[in-house]
Amino acid sequence: METIHLDSARDVLGMFDVPRHAGELPELSLAEMFYPQGFPTEVRTNSPEILVNARALWSVFENRFDTKPILVDVHVLDGGSLECPPAPVFHIARPLLINIADAYNFSVANLEKVKTQIVLSRASLNHRKYLEYFFLGAAPLAHIATSYATPVHAACVALNGCGVLLCGDSGAGKSTLSYACARAGWDYVTDDASFLINDGMERTVAGNCHQVRFRPSAAELFPEVAGLEITPRATGKPSIELPTSPMAGFRCESTAEVDFLVFLNRNAFGVQELVSYPMDAARGYLRQVLCGLSEQVARQCAALERLLTAGLFELRYSDLDWAVQRLEMLVREGR
């Protein structure tokens, strides 16, 4: 049998006009680097609108971490419905995370390669909140929260270099209390989603210090929030999104070193107090959002054990000003 060398094969193929396959995705001619939560992320696309949306999401972030860049490829297709696509269905087929809304709107994240490929209909670009929440905004976070950091459902503030994670389920008051601390002179790191850096021996947390998101009821506590537009969300309850950059005296930090984990128990009645919190309960709370490859989860569990060497407390309160003052005492006295 005659051997056909690769160069000869290319010469043969060059003699034929081979059309693109109908299912082949458009080539990506545009690229730009961004730094969501401080992590390098390269976005490649065939659509200028995608880069406009990416700038709106991440232009406020600076490069903070020397990590392998996350790759996000976004192919925008003509066709599909003009309506907003349905919420996608999420599947895990390790090492892939698959998000499927319909035939024109889906994404595949490869956790091994630290890369996500997104396919979107051109009509979906008209629905910014949908695009950002389910696809473009979510893509780098999936890799940050598996390859480089451990996600923690907590707000983070710091006083005199001492970081405090405010932990609790949705509605526990994380955003309200973190914002109240910032108004009282604390450094503000994030109001909800913290990322514990996996590498090193420190308890370093990164977050989005450029925005606070409130429930509409926060207007009863903070006069400056009253009258602001309520932002519809792709999922979940409507919220008020407040950028922190224009606020005078509001100190923002993208990272903090954590010394205390405080679990919030906001009650309408009863004694206000700060008490110790069981380590096993804290560990169970922190582990419930982990996801990834087995080696990634193992690395995250090790990072959480490092985090659990911080002081563990439960804050039982009903008065917001008292809660801020009690946290200040915790930072000063360690108890």
C-alpha atoms as a PDB file:
ATOM      1  CA  MET A   1       0.000   0.000   0.000  1.00  0.00           C
ATOM      2  CA  GLU A   2       1.376   3.390  -0.975  1.00  0.00           C
ATOM      3  CA  THR A   3       2.078   5.816   1.867  1.00  0.00           C
ATOM      4  CA  ILE A   4       0.636   9.307   1.420  1.00  0.00           C
ATOM      5  CA  HIS A   5       2.708  11.955   3.164  1.00  0.00           C
ATOM      6  CA  LEU A   6       1.007  14.852   4.938  1.00  0.00           C
ATOM      7  CA  ASP A   7       2.417  17.484   2.563  1.00  0.00           C
ATOM      8  CA  SER A   8       1.136  15.514  -0.406  1.00  0.00           C
ATOM      9  CA  ALA A   9      -2.289  15.251   1.193  1.00  0.00           C
ATOM     10  CA  ARG A  10      -2.410  19.025   1.635  1.00  0.00           C
ATOM     11  CA  ASP A  11      -1.500  19.471  -2.038  1.00  0.00           C
ATOM     12  CA  VAL A  12      -4.325  17.146  -3.063  1.00  0.00           C
ATOM     13  CA  LEU A  13      -6.846  18.986  -0.857  1.00  0.00           C
ATOM     14  CA  GLY A  14      -5.686  22.281  -2.296  1.00  0.00           C
ATOM     15  CA  MET A  15      -6.867  21.121  -5.726  1.00  0.00           C
ATOM     16  CA  PHE A  16     -10.479  21.048  -4.518  1.00  0.00           C
ATOM     17  CA  ASP A  17     -12.765  23.865  -3.431  1.00  0.00           C
ATOM     18  CA  VAL A  18     -14.092  22.436  -0.154  1.00  0.00           C
ATOM     19  CA  PRO A  19     -17.009  24.529   1.144  1.00  0.00           C
ATOM     20  CA  ARG A  20     -17.512  25.192   4.828  1.00  0.00           C
ATOM     21  CA  HIS A  21     -19.821  22.744   6.516  1.00  0.00           C
ATOM     22  CA  ALA A  22     -23.283  24.159   7.248  1.00  0.00           C
ATOM     23  CA  GLY A  23     -22.838  23.412  10.948  1.00  0.00           C
ATOM     24  CA  GLU A  24     -19.418  25.021  11.248  1.00  0.00           C
ATOM     25  CA  LEU A  25     -19.317  27.962  13.638  1.00  0.00           C
ATOM     26  CA  PRO A  26     -18.199  31.391  12.414  1.00  0.00           C
ATOM     27  CA  GLU A  27     -14.523  32.241  12.738  1.00  0.00           C
ATOM     28  CA  LEU A  28     -13.493  34.502  15.613  1.00  0.00           C
ATOM     29  CA  SER A  29     -11.759  37.603  14.308  1.00  0.00           C
ATOM     30  CA  LEU A  30     -11.942  39.823  17.414  1.00  0.00           C
ATOM     31  CA  ALA A  31     -10.171  39.402  20.754  1.00  0.00           C
ATOM     32  CA  GLU A  32      -9.668  41.400  23.946  1.00  0.00           C
ATOM     33  CA  MET A  33      -8.242  40.734  27.422  1.00  0.00           C
ATOM     34  CA  PHE A  34     -10.269  41.369  30.566  1.00  0.00           C
ATOM     35  CA  TYR A  35      -9.729  40.729  34.290  1.00  0.00           C
ATOM     36  CA  PRO A  36     -12.972  39.656  36.005  1.00  0.00           C
ATOM     37  CA  GLN A  37     -12.348  39.533  39.766  1.00  0.00           C
ATOM     38  CA  GLY A  38      -8.700  40.188  38.853  1.00  0.00           C
ATOM     39  CA  PHE A  39      -8.097  36.999  36.798  1.00  0.00           C
ATOM     40  CA  PRO A  40      -6.817  37.256  33.174  1.00  0.00           C
ATOM     41  CA  THR A  41      -9.532  36.296  30.692  1.00  0.00           C
ATOM     42  CA  GLU A  42      -9.294  36.452  26.906  1.00  0.00           C
ATOM     43  CA  VAL A  43     -12.583  36.881  25.053  1.00  0.00           C
ATOM     44  CA  ARG A  44     -12.585  35.928  21.358  1.00  0.00           C
ATOM     45  CA  THR A  45     -15.641  36.516  19.202  1.00  0.00           C
ATOM     46  CA  ASN A  46     -17.017  37.399  15.786  1.00  0.00           C
ATOM     47  CA  SER A  47     -19.305  40.084  17.252  1.00  0.00           C
ATOM     48  CA  PRO A  48     -18.290  43.614  18.329  1.00  0.00           C
ATOM     49  CA  GLU A  49     -21.405  43.684  20.547  1.00  0.00           C
ATOM     50  CA  ILE A  50     -19.940  40.903  22.688  1.00  0.00           C
ATOM     51  CA  LEU A  51     -16.837  42.972  23.407  1.00  0.00           C
ATOM     52  CA  VAL A  52     -19.043  45.970  24.265  1.00  0.00           C
ATOM     53  CA  ASN A  53     -20.902  43.821  26.794  1.00  0.00           C
ATOM     54  CA  ALA A  54     -17.636  42.408  28.148  1.00  0.00           C
ATOM     55  CA  ARG A  55     -16.287  45.915  28.717  1.00  0.00           C
ATOM     56  CA  ALA A  56     -19.455  46.855  30.574  1.00  0.00           C
ATOM     57  CA  LEU A  57     -18.998  43.819  32.816  1.00  0.00           C
ATOM     58  CA  TRP A  58     -15.263  43.866  33.506  1.00  0.00           C
ATOM     59  CA  SER A  59     -13.531  47.110  32.493  1.00  0.00           C
ATOM     60  CA  VAL A  60     -13.478  48.228  36.155  1.00  0.00           C
ATOM     61  CA  PHE A  61     -11.293  45.266  37.180  1.00  0.00           C
ATOM     62  CA  GLU A  62      -7.494  45.338  37.128  1.00  0.00           C
ATOM     63  CA  ASN A  63      -5.089  42.435  36.704  1.00  0.00           C
ATOM     64  CA  ARG A  64      -4.467  41.018  40.190  1.00  0.00           C
ATOM     65  CA  PHE A  65      -3.404  37.413  39.681  1.00  0.00           C
ATOM     66  CA  ASP A  66      -0.667  35.799  37.592  1.00  0.00           C
ATOM     67  CA  THR A  67      -2.699  32.822  36.379  1.00  0.00           C
ATOM     68  CA  LYS A  68      -3.090  31.063  33.054  1.00  0.00           C
ATOM     69  CA  PRO A  69      -5.632  33.112  31.076  1.00  0.00           C
ATOM     70  CA  ILE A  70      -9.175  31.838  30.974  1.00  0.00           C
ATOM     71  CA  LEU A  71     -10.361  31.491  27.357  1.00  0.00           C
ATOM     72  CA  VAL A  72     -13.912  32.463  26.419  1.00  0.00           C
ATOM     73  CA  ASP A  73     -14.908  31.989  22.775  1.00  0.00           C
ATOM     74  CA  VAL A  74     -18.269  33.485  21.774  1.00  0.00           C
ATOM     75  CA  HIS A  75     -19.743  32.561  18.391  1.00  0.00           C
ATOM     76  CA  VAL A  76     -22.746  34.678  17.420  1.00  0.00           C
ATOM     77  CA  LEU A  77     -25.089  33.127  14.848  1.00  0.00           C
ATOM     78  CA  ASP A  78     -27.742  34.585  12.602  1.00  0.00           C
ATOM     79  CA  GLY A  79     -31.104  32.920  12.965  1.00  0.00           C
ATOM     80  CA  GLY A  80     -33.153  31.649  15.846  1.00  0.00           C
ATOM     81  CA  SER A  81     -36.128  33.203  17.595  1.00  0.00           C
ATOM     82  CA  LEU A  82     -36.327  36.963  18.140  1.00  0.00           C
ATOM     83  CA  GLU A  83     -37.672  36.372  21.647  1.00  0.00           C
ATOM     84  CA  CYS A  84     -35.486  36.128  24.717  1.00  0.00           C
ATOM     85  CA  PRO A  85     -34.257  32.509  24.876  1.00  0.00           C
ATOM     86  CA  PRO A  86     -35.416  30.274  27.732  1.00  0.00           C
ATOM     87  CA  ALA A  87     -33.340  29.766  30.854  1.00  0.00           C
ATOM     88  CA  PRO A  88     -30.685  27.161  30.044  1.00  0.00           C
ATOM     89  CA  VAL A  89     -30.573  23.646  31.450  1.00  0.00           C
ATOM     90  CA  PHE A  90     -27.321  22.793  33.213  1.00  0.00           C
ATOM     91  CA  HIS A  91     -25.522  19.436  32.874  1.00  0.00           C
ATOM     92  CA  ILE A  92     -22.227  18.125  34.253  1.00  0.00           C
ATOM     93  CA  ALA A  93     -20.249  15.601  32.188  1.00  0.00           C
ATOM     94  CA  ARG A  94     -16.788  15.991  33.728  1.00  0.00           C
ATOM     95  CA  PRO A  95     -14.611  17.689  32.597  1.00  0.00           C
ATOM     96  CA  LEU A  96     -17.423  19.542  30.807  1.00  0.00           C
ATOM     97  CA  LEU A  97     -20.066  21.886  32.204  1.00  0.00           C
ATOM     98  CA  ILE A  98     -22.849  22.177  29.628  1.00  0.00           C
ATOM     99  CA  ASN A  99     -25.467  24.928  29.535  1.00  0.00           C
ATOM    100  CA  ILE A 100     -28.226  24.503  26.908  1.00  0.00           C
ATOM    101  CA  ALA A 101     -31.064  26.951  26.282  1.00  0.00           C
ATOM    102  CA  ASP A 102     -31.859  25.937  22.700  1.00  0.00           C
ATOM    103  CA  ALA A 103     -30.134  25.067  19.413  1.00  0.00           C
ATOM    104  CA  TYR A 104     -28.834  28.628  19.006  1.00  0.00           C
ATOM    105  CA  ASN A 105     -27.890  29.399  22.624  1.00  0.00           C
ATOM    106  CA  PHE A 106     -25.616  27.120  24.621  1.00  0.00           C
ATOM    107  CA  SER A 107     -22.163  26.892  26.184  1.00  0.00           C
ATOM    108  CA  VAL A 108     -19.608  24.196  26.964  1.00  0.00           C
ATOM    109  CA  ALA A 109     -16.967  24.807  29.643  1.00  0.00           C
ATOM    110  CA  ASN A 110     -13.937  22.523  29.695  1.00  0.00           C
ATOM    111  CA  LEU A 111     -12.567  22.571  33.256  1.00  0.00           C
ATOM    112  CA  GLU A 112      -9.341  20.825  32.234  1.00  0.00           C
ATOM    113  CA  LYS A 113      -8.500  23.334  29.502  1.00  0.00           C
ATOM    114  CA  VAL A 114      -9.840  26.372  31.427  1.00  0.00           C
ATOM    115  CA  LYS A 115     -11.865  27.303  28.361  1.00  0.00           C
ATOM    116  CA  THR A 116     -15.528  27.984  27.582  1.00  0.00           C
ATOM    117  CA  GLN A 117     -17.124  28.019  24.140  1.00  0.00           C
ATOM    118  CA  ILE A 118     -20.405  29.898  23.836  1.00  0.00           C
ATOM    119  CA  VAL A 119     -22.855  29.902  20.930  1.00  0.00           C
ATOM    120  CA  LEU A 120     -25.486  32.655  20.887  1.00  0.00           C
ATOM    121  CA  SER A 121     -28.173  33.820  18.520  1.00  0.00           C
ATOM    122  CA  ARG A 122     -27.833  37.409  17.395  1.00  0.00           C
ATOM    123  CA  ALA A 123     -31.272  38.105  18.859  1.00  0.00           C
ATOM    124  CA  SER A 124     -30.046  37.154  22.341  1.00  0.00           C
ATOM    125  CA  LEU A 125     -27.713  40.163  22.284  1.00  0.00           C
ATOM    126  CA  ASN A 126     -30.807  42.346  22.694  1.00  0.00           C
ATOM    127  CA  HIS A 127     -31.427  40.804  26.131  1.00  0.00           C
ATOM    128  CA  ARG A 128     -28.428  42.050  28.098  1.00  0.00           C
ATOM    129  CA  LYS A 129     -29.324  40.683  31.539  1.00  0.00           C
ATOM    130  CA  TYR A 130     -29.975  37.246  30.065  1.00  0.00           C
ATOM    131  CA  LEU A 131     -26.685  37.307  28.143  1.00  0.00           C
ATOM    132  CA  GLU A 132     -24.641  38.440  31.147  1.00  0.00           C
ATOM    133  CA  TYR A 133     -26.205  36.201  33.782  1.00  0.00           C
ATOM    134  CA  PHE A 134     -26.407  32.884  31.949  1.00  0.00           C
ATOM    135  CA  PHE A 135     -23.539  33.052  29.465  1.00  0.00           C
ATOM    136  CA  LEU A 136     -20.969  35.838  29.131  1.00  0.00           C
ATOM    137  CA  GLY A 137     -20.766  36.885  32.781  1.00  0.00           C
ATOM    138  CA  ALA A 138     -20.919  33.328  34.059  1.00  0.00           C
ATOM    139  CA  ALA A 139     -18.187  31.907  31.792  1.00  0.00           C
ATOM    140  CA  PRO A 140     -15.031  33.126  33.593  1.00  0.00           C
ATOM    141  CA  LEU A 141     -16.593  32.635  37.038  1.00  0.00           C
ATOM    142  CA  ALA A 142     -16.977  28.905  36.372  1.00  0.00           C
ATOM    143  CA  HIS A 143     -13.211  28.624  35.886  1.00  0.00           C
ATOM    144  CA  ILE A 144     -12.242  31.027  38.665  1.00  0.00           C
ATOM    145  CA  ALA A 145     -14.400  28.973  41.053  1.00  0.00           C
ATOM    146  CA  THR A 146     -12.808  25.666  40.031  1.00  0.00           C
ATOM    147  CA  SER A 147      -9.233  26.234  38.827  1.00  0.00           C
ATOM    148  CA  TYR A 148      -8.016  29.217  40.846  1.00  0.00           C
ATOM    149  CA  ALA A 149     -10.264  29.896  43.824  1.00  0.00           C
ATOM    150  CA  THR A 150     -12.869  28.432  46.140  1.00  0.00           C
ATOM    151  CA  PRO A 151     -16.303  30.085  46.063  1.00  0.00           C
ATOM    152  CA  VAL A 152     -17.717  31.186  49.405  1.00  0.00           C
ATOM    153  CA  HIS A 153     -21.302  32.417  49.772  1.00  0.00           C
ATOM    154  CA  ALA A 154     -20.352  35.393  51.918  1.00  0.00           C
ATOM    155  CA  ALA A 155     -19.870  39.141  51.930  1.00  0.00           C
ATOM    156  CA  CYS A 156     -16.458  40.495  52.874  1.00  0.00           C
ATOM    157  CA  VAL A 157     -15.404  43.712  54.618  1.00  0.00           C
ATOM    158  CA  ALA A 158     -12.189  44.710  56.364  1.00  0.00           C
ATOM    159  CA  LEU A 159     -11.187  47.112  59.122  1.00  0.00           C
ATOM    160  CA  ASN A 160      -7.561  48.068  59.803  1.00  0.00           C
ATOM    161  CA  GLY A 161      -6.399  45.187  57.593  1.00  0.00           C
ATOM    162  CA  CYS A 162      -8.561  42.635  59.404  1.00  0.00           C
ATOM    163  CA  GLY A 163     -10.992  40.879  57.040  1.00  0.00           C
ATOM    164  CA  VAL A 164     -14.405  39.599  58.118  1.00  0.00           C
ATOM    165  CA  LEU A 165     -16.505  37.209  56.052  1.00  0.00           C
ATOM    166  CA  LEU A 166     -20.242  37.682  56.630  1.00  0.00           C
ATOM    167  CA  CYS A 167     -21.802  34.295  55.937  1.00  0.00           C
ATOM    168  CA  GLY A 168     -25.433  33.293  55.514  1.00  0.00           C
ATOM    169  CA  ASP A 169     -28.049  32.077  53.100  1.00  0.00           C
ATOM    170  CA  SER A 170     -29.940  34.410  50.752  1.00  0.00           C
ATOM    171  CA  GLY A 171     -31.874  36.956  52.791  1.00  0.00           C
ATOM    172  CA  ALA A 172     -29.588  36.706  55.836  1.00  0.00           C
ATOM    173  CA  GLY A 173     -28.558  40.357  55.484  1.00  0.00           C
ATOM    174  CA  LYS A 174     -25.065  40.042  53.973  1.00  0.00           C
ATOM    175  CA  SER A 175     -25.453  42.967  51.560  1.00  0.00           C
ATOM    176  CA  THR A 176     -27.139  45.217  54.110  1.00  0.00           C
ATOM    177  CA  LEU A 177     -24.560  44.645  56.833  1.00  0.00           C
ATOM    178  CA  SER A 178     -21.538  44.854  54.516  1.00  0.00           C
ATOM    179  CA  TYR A 179     -22.822  48.152  53.120  1.00  0.00           C
ATOM    180  CA  ALA A 180     -23.519  49.473  56.621  1.00  0.00           C
ATOM    181  CA  CYS A 181     -19.936  48.603  57.607  1.00  0.00           C
ATOM    182  CA  ALA A 182     -18.593  50.406  54.528  1.00  0.00           C
ATOM    183  CA  ARG A 183     -20.654  53.500  55.391  1.00  0.00           C
ATOM    184  CA  ALA A 184     -19.031  53.382  58.843  1.00  0.00           C
ATOM    185  CA  GLY A 185     -15.502  53.502  57.375  1.00  0.00           C
ATOM    186  CA  TRP A 186     -14.697  49.840  56.689  1.00  0.00           C
ATOM    187  CA  ASP A 187     -13.103  48.648  53.445  1.00  0.00           C
ATOM    188  CA  TYR A 188     -15.686  47.049  51.171  1.00  0.00           C
ATOM    189  CA  VAL A 189     -14.689  43.917  49.211  1.00  0.00           C
ATOM    190  CA  THR A 190     -17.935  42.228  48.146  1.00  0.00           C
ATOM    191  CA  ASP A 191     -21.547  41.901  49.218  1.00  0.00           C
ATOM    192  CA  ASP A 192     -22.294  38.290  48.314  1.00  0.00           C
ATOM    193  CA  ALA A 193     -19.782  36.230  46.314  1.00  0.00           C
ATOM    194  CA  SER A 194     -16.287  35.824  47.760  1.00  0.00           C
ATOM    195  CA  PHE A 195     -13.469  33.829  46.163  1.00  0.00           C
ATOM    196  CA  LEU A 196     -10.883  32.264  48.473  1.00  0.00           C
ATOM    197  CA  ILE A 197      -7.562  32.049  46.601  1.00  0.00           C
ATOM    198  CA  ASN A 198      -6.395  28.428  46.480  1.00  0.00           C
ATOM    199  CA  ASP A 199      -2.626  28.926  46.260  1.00  0.00           C
ATOM    200  CA  GLY A 200      -0.458  29.981  49.183  1.00  0.00           C
ATOM    201  CA  MET A 201      -0.916  29.706  52.929  1.00  0.00           C
ATOM    202  CA  GLU A 202      -2.911  32.896  53.449  1.00  0.00           C
ATOM    203  CA  ARG A 203      -6.669  33.330  53.784  1.00  0.00           C
ATOM    204  CA  THR A 204      -6.934  35.764  50.865  1.00  0.00           C
ATOM    205  CA  VAL A 205     -10.390  36.538  49.490  1.00  0.00           C
ATOM    206  CA  ALA A 206     -11.211  38.407  46.267  1.00  0.00           C
ATOM    207  CA  GLY A 207     -14.538  39.901  45.243  1.00  0.00           C
ATOM    208  CA  ASN A 208     -16.422  42.498  43.234  1.00  0.00           C
ATOM    209  CA  CYS A 209     -15.954  45.717  45.176  1.00  0.00           C
ATOM    210  CA  HIS A 210     -17.454  47.820  42.397  1.00  0.00           C
ATOM    211  CA  GLN A 211     -21.126  47.105  43.086  1.00  0.00           C
ATOM    212  CA  VAL A 212     -23.604  46.542  45.899  1.00  0.00           C
ATOM    213  CA  ARG A 213     -26.838  44.700  45.178  1.00  0.00           C
ATOM    214  CA  PHE A 214     -29.780  45.279  47.535  1.00  0.00           C
ATOM    215  CA  ARG A 215     -33.275  43.994  48.000  1.00  0.00           C
ATOM    216  CA  PRO A 216     -35.728  46.878  47.354  1.00  0.00           C
ATOM    217  CA  SER A 217     -36.516  46.951  51.098  1.00  0.00           C
ATOM    218  CA  ALA A 218     -33.022  48.379  51.739  1.00  0.00           C
ATOM    219  CA  ALA A 219     -34.443  51.811  50.885  1.00  0.00           C
ATOM    220  CA  GLU A 220     -36.007  51.788  54.361  1.00  0.00           C
ATOM    221  CA  LEU A 221     -32.523  51.656  55.932  1.00  0.00           C
ATOM    222  CA  PHE A 222     -30.413  53.757  53.564  1.00  0.00           C
ATOM    223  CA  PRO A 223     -31.895  57.053  52.291  1.00  0.00           C
ATOM    224  CA  GLU A 224     -29.478  57.182  49.344  1.00  0.00           C
ATOM    225  CA  VAL A 225     -31.008  53.997  47.969  1.00  0.00           C
ATOM    226  CA  ALA A 226     -34.568  55.346  47.958  1.00  0.00           C
ATOM    227  CA  GLY A 227     -35.799  56.188  44.487  1.00  0.00           C
ATOM    228  CA  LEU A 228     -33.137  54.236  42.629  1.00  0.00           C
ATOM    229  CA  GLU A 229     -34.243  52.066  39.740  1.00  0.00           C
ATOM    230  CA  ILE A 230     -35.094  48.468  40.534  1.00  0.00           C
ATOM    231  CA  THR A 231     -33.101  46.271  38.157  1.00  0.00           C
ATOM    232  CA  PRO A 232     -34.861  43.238  36.697  1.00  0.00           C
ATOM    233  CA  ARG A 233     -32.787  40.078  36.929  1.00  0.00           C
ATOM    234  CA  ALA A 234     -32.544  37.097  34.635  1.00  0.00           C
ATOM    235  CA  THR A 235     -33.396  34.920  37.627  1.00  0.00           C
ATOM    236  CA  GLY A 236     -34.237  35.565  41.238  1.00  0.00           C
ATOM    237  CA  LYS A 237     -35.896  38.574  42.809  1.00  0.00           C
ATOM    238  CA  PRO A 238     -35.527  42.124  41.439  1.00  0.00           C
ATOM    239  CA  SER A 239     -32.779  44.157  43.081  1.00  0.00           C
ATOM    240  CA  ILE A 240     -31.251  47.606  43.324  1.00  0.00           C
ATOM    241  CA  GLU A 241     -27.729  47.672  41.894  1.00  0.00           C
ATOM    242  CA  LEU A 242     -25.596  50.497  43.232  1.00  0.00           C
ATOM    243  CA  PRO A 243     -22.122  51.212  41.775  1.00  0.00           C
ATOM    244  CA  THR A 244     -19.603  52.079  44.477  1.00  0.00           C
ATOM    245  CA  SER A 245     -17.243  54.247  42.404  1.00  0.00           C
ATOM    246  CA  PRO A 246     -19.197  57.546  42.636  1.00  0.00           C
ATOM    247  CA  MET A 247     -19.700  57.359  46.425  1.00  0.00           C
ATOM    248  CA  ALA A 248     -17.467  59.762  48.332  1.00  0.00           C
ATOM    249  CA  GLY A 249     -15.598  58.206  51.233  1.00  0.00           C
ATOM    250  CA  PHE A 250     -16.574  54.673  50.249  1.00  0.00           C
ATOM    251  CA  ARG A 251     -13.345  52.673  50.419  1.00  0.00           C
ATOM    252  CA  CYS A 252     -13.148  49.703  48.067  1.00  0.00           C
ATOM    253  CA  GLU A 253     -10.570  46.917  48.099  1.00  0.00           C
ATOM    254  CA  SER A 254     -10.499  44.015  45.644  1.00  0.00           C
ATOM    255  CA  THR A 255      -8.962  41.600  48.189  1.00  0.00           C
ATOM    256  CA  ALA A 256      -8.732  41.109  51.947  1.00  0.00           C
ATOM    257  CA  GLU A 257      -6.989  38.789  54.405  1.00  0.00           C
ATOM    258  CA  VAL A 258      -9.686  37.042  56.438  1.00  0.00           C
ATOM    259  CA  ASP A 259      -9.383  36.815  60.230  1.00  0.00           C
ATOM    260  CA  PHE A 260     -13.002  36.084  61.159  1.00  0.00           C
ATOM    261  CA  LEU A 261     -16.001  34.215  59.750  1.00  0.00           C
ATOM    262  CA  VAL A 262     -19.263  35.568  61.140  1.00  0.00           C
ATOM    263  CA  PHE A 263     -22.506  33.692  60.497  1.00  0.00           C
ATOM    264  CA  LEU A 264     -25.475  36.049  60.468  1.00  0.00           C
ATOM    265  CA  ASN A 265     -28.639  35.408  62.448  1.00  0.00           C
ATOM    266  CA  ARG A 266     -30.819  38.444  61.864  1.00  0.00           C
ATOM    267  CA  ASN A 267     -33.845  38.178  64.141  1.00  0.00           C
ATOM    268  CA  ALA A 268     -36.595  40.614  64.978  1.00  0.00           C
ATOM    269  CA  PHE A 269     -36.636  39.796  68.698  1.00  0.00           C
ATOM    270  CA  GLY A 270     -34.362  38.307  71.312  1.00  0.00           C
ATOM    271  CA  VAL A 271     -30.944  38.992  72.798  1.00  0.00           C
ATOM    272  CA  GLN A 272     -28.307  40.581  70.569  1.00  0.00           C
ATOM    273  CA  GLU A 273     -24.999  38.816  71.017  1.00  0.00           C
ATOM    274  CA  LEU A 274     -21.862  37.435  69.364  1.00  0.00           C
ATOM    275  CA  VAL A 275     -21.243  33.781  70.210  1.00  0.00           C
ATOM    276  CA  SER A 276     -18.876  31.069  69.008  1.00  0.00           C
ATOM    277  CA  TYR A 277     -19.931  28.989  66.008  1.00  0.00           C
ATOM    278  CA  PRO A 278     -19.323  25.218  65.633  1.00  0.00           C
ATOM    279  CA  MET A 279     -16.554  24.306  63.183  1.00  0.00           C
ATOM    280  CA  ASP A 280     -18.463  21.310  61.773  1.00  0.00           C
ATOM    281  CA  ALA A 281     -21.446  23.538  60.955  1.00  0.00           C
ATOM    282  CA  ALA A 282     -19.145  26.109  59.343  1.00  0.00           C
ATOM    283  CA  ARG A 283     -17.414  23.415  57.289  1.00  0.00           C
ATOM    284  CA  GLY A 284     -20.755  22.055  56.057  1.00  0.00           C
ATOM    285  CA  TYR A 285     -21.920  25.536  55.034  1.00  0.00           C
ATOM    286  CA  LEU A 286     -18.707  26.309  53.161  1.00  0.00           C
ATOM    287  CA  ARG A 287     -18.597  23.018  51.263  1.00  0.00           C
ATOM    288  CA  GLN A 288     -22.132  23.134  49.884  1.00  0.00           C
ATOM    289  CA  VAL A 289     -21.265  25.240  46.802  1.00  0.00           C
ATOM    290  CA  LEU A 290     -18.165  23.316  45.672  1.00  0.00           C
ATOM    291  CA  CYS A 291     -18.119  21.909  42.160  1.00  0.00           C
ATOM    292  CA  GLY A 292     -15.431  20.758  39.743  1.00  0.00           C
ATOM    293  CA  LEU A 293     -13.048  17.944  38.962  1.00  0.00           C
ATOM    294  CA  SER A 294     -12.034  15.684  41.840  1.00  0.00           C
ATOM    295  CA  GLU A 295      -8.563  17.210  42.108  1.00  0.00           C
ATOM    296  CA  GLN A 296     -10.040  20.713  42.023  1.00  0.00           C
ATOM    297  CA  VAL A 297     -12.518  19.937  44.793  1.00  0.00           C
ATOM    298  CA  ALA A 298      -9.728  18.377  46.873  1.00  0.00           C
ATOM    299  CA  ARG A 299      -7.691  21.572  46.496  1.00  0.00           C
ATOM    300  CA  GLN A 300     -10.735  23.639  47.472  1.00  0.00           C
ATOM    301  CA  CYS A 301     -11.394  21.528  50.560  1.00  0.00           C
ATOM    302  CA  ALA A 302      -7.795  22.107  51.617  1.00  0.00           C
ATOM    303  CA  ALA A 303      -8.259  25.857  51.105  1.00  0.00           C
ATOM    304  CA  LEU A 304     -11.415  25.777  53.224  1.00  0.00           C
ATOM    305  CA  GLU A 305      -9.576  24.012  56.042  1.00  0.00           C
ATOM    306  CA  ARG A 306      -7.086  26.883  55.943  1.00  0.00           C
ATOM    307  CA  LEU A 307      -9.975  29.344  56.087  1.00  0.00           C
ATOM    308  CA  LEU A 308     -11.462  27.520  59.084  1.00  0.00           C
ATOM    309  CA  THR A 309      -8.403  28.439  61.152  1.00  0.00           C
ATOM    310  CA  ALA A 310      -9.934  31.934  61.357  1.00  0.00           C
ATOM    311  CA  GLY A 311     -12.204  32.837  64.273  1.00  0.00           C
ATOM    312  CA  LEU A 312     -15.742  31.419  63.921  1.00  0.00           C
ATOM    313  CA  PHE A 313     -18.703  33.345  65.335  1.00  0.00           C
ATOM    314  CA  GLU A 314     -22.457  33.744  65.053  1.00  0.00           C
ATOM    315  CA  LEU A 315     -23.877  37.272  65.191  1.00  0.00           C
ATOM    316  CA  ARG A 316     -27.425  37.389  66.566  1.00  0.00           C
ATOM    317  CA  TYR A 317     -28.884  40.840  66.029  1.00  0.00           C
ATOM    318  CA  SER A 318     -31.890  42.908  65.119  1.00  0.00           C
ATOM    319  CA  ASP A 319     -30.384  46.410  65.174  1.00  0.00           C
ATOM    320  CA  LEU A 320     -28.068  47.217  62.274  1.00  0.00           C
ATOM    321  CA  ASP A 321     -26.044  49.905  64.076  1.00  0.00           C
ATOM    322  CA  TRP A 322     -25.458  47.567  67.006  1.00  0.00           C
ATOM    323  CA  ALA A 323     -24.244  44.860  64.598  1.00  0.00           C
ATOM    324  CA  VAL A 324     -21.661  47.208  63.036  1.00  0.00           C
ATOM    325  CA  GLN A 325     -20.415  48.293  66.462  1.00  0.00           C
ATOM    326  CA  ARG A 326     -20.177  44.692  67.650  1.00  0.00           C
ATOM    327  CA  LEU A 327     -18.108  43.743  64.608  1.00  0.00           C
ATOM    328  CA  GLU A 328     -15.787  46.676  65.300  1.00  0.00           C
ATOM    329  CA  MET A 329     -15.317  45.341  68.829  1.00  0.00           C
ATOM    330  CA  LEU A 330     -14.582  41.883  67.410  1.00  0.00           C
ATOM    331  CA  VAL A 331     -11.823  43.318  65.211  1.00  0.00           C
ATOM    332  CA  ARG A 332     -10.346  45.341  68.085  1.00  0.00           C
ATOM    333  CA  GLU A 333     -10.520  42.681  70.795  1.00  0.00           C
ATOM    334  CA  GLY A 334     -10.679  39.402  68.853  1.00  0.00           C
ATOM    335  CA  ARG A 335     -13.846  38.289  70.638  1.00  0.00           C
END
